[in-house]
Protein backbone atom coordinates (compact mmCIF):
# COMPACT_ATOMS: atom_id res chain seq x y z
CA MET A 1 1.56 71.90 29.04
CA ASN A 2 -0.99 69.08 28.97
CA VAL A 3 0.46 65.62 29.39
CA PRO A 4 -1.40 63.00 27.32
CA THR A 5 -3.05 60.12 29.16
CA GLN A 6 -2.01 56.53 28.55
CA ALA A 7 -5.19 56.03 26.50
CA GLU A 8 -4.33 59.03 24.31
CA LEU A 9 -0.80 57.72 23.78
CA THR A 10 -2.12 54.26 22.87
CA HIS A 11 -4.53 55.82 20.37
CA LEU A 12 -1.72 57.84 18.77
CA GLN A 13 0.49 54.74 18.61
CA LEU A 14 -2.27 52.69 16.99
CA GLN A 15 -3.00 55.44 14.47
CA ALA A 16 0.70 55.59 13.51
CA ILE A 17 0.89 51.81 13.17
CA LEU A 18 -2.24 51.70 10.99
CA ARG A 19 -0.94 54.55 8.84
CA GLU A 20 2.56 53.11 8.36
CA HIS A 21 1.80 49.40 7.95
CA ASN A 22 -0.53 47.36 5.80
CA ILE A 23 -2.65 45.87 8.59
CA PRO A 24 -5.91 44.33 7.39
CA GLU A 25 -9.09 45.80 8.84
CA THR A 26 -9.97 42.26 9.91
CA GLU A 27 -7.12 42.54 12.44
CA VAL A 28 -7.43 46.12 13.73
CA LYS A 29 -9.89 48.79 12.63
CA TYR A 30 -10.50 52.25 14.08
CA LEU A 31 -14.24 52.70 14.75
CA GLY A 32 -14.17 56.35 15.76
CA ASP A 33 -14.93 58.10 19.02
CA ARG A 34 -17.79 56.88 21.18
CA VAL A 35 -19.04 57.61 24.67
CA TYR A 36 -17.50 55.36 27.32
CA PRO A 37 -20.58 53.82 28.99
CA GLU A 38 -21.22 54.17 32.70
CA THR A 39 -22.01 50.45 32.79
CA PHE A 40 -18.31 49.70 32.16
CA GLU A 41 -16.59 49.44 35.54
CA ALA A 42 -12.93 49.17 34.49
CA HIS A 43 -12.28 52.90 34.00
CA PRO A 44 -14.78 55.09 35.86
CA GLU A 45 -12.64 58.14 35.08
CA TYR A 46 -13.81 57.87 31.45
CA HIS A 47 -17.56 57.52 32.14
CA GLY A 48 -19.51 59.75 29.79
CA GLN A 49 -16.41 60.84 27.84
CA MET A 50 -15.79 60.41 24.12
CA ILE A 51 -12.88 58.05 23.57
CA PRO A 52 -11.54 56.12 20.54
CA TRP A 53 -12.80 52.58 19.92
CA TYR A 54 -11.21 49.81 17.86
CA LEU A 55 -12.44 46.56 16.33
CA ILE A 56 -9.96 43.79 17.17
CA ALA A 57 -9.80 40.55 15.16
CA ASN A 58 -13.05 41.55 13.42
CA GLU A 59 -14.85 40.49 16.60
CA HIS A 60 -14.21 42.64 19.67
CA GLU A 61 -15.19 46.33 19.93
CA VAL A 62 -12.78 47.75 22.49
CA PRO A 63 -12.31 51.24 23.94
CA VAL A 64 -8.70 52.35 23.65
CA CYS A 65 -8.37 52.61 27.44
CA ASP A 66 -8.85 48.82 27.62
CA ILE A 67 -5.89 48.12 25.31
CA SER A 68 -2.98 47.47 27.65
CA SER A 69 -0.22 46.81 25.10
CA ILE A 70 0.53 46.62 21.40
CA ASP A 71 2.78 43.81 20.25
CA CYS A 72 4.13 42.87 16.84
CA VAL A 73 3.05 39.47 15.53
CA GLU A 74 4.93 37.88 12.65
């Protein structure tokens, strides 16, 4: 059995939240899978791999492995 990584779990959680709630794309938008660049130093284990990316607050393009938590905001 393959155990999902934290990044995979975060992606699944975000997809479920986006599917089940009316969250504007200006807040969180799935951009698709992209290659994690080797110039990013935070997660060398993902260098060269396709991982999900999100647009946060219509401003920041972020790989899912850089999202540390998901919190509800009222």
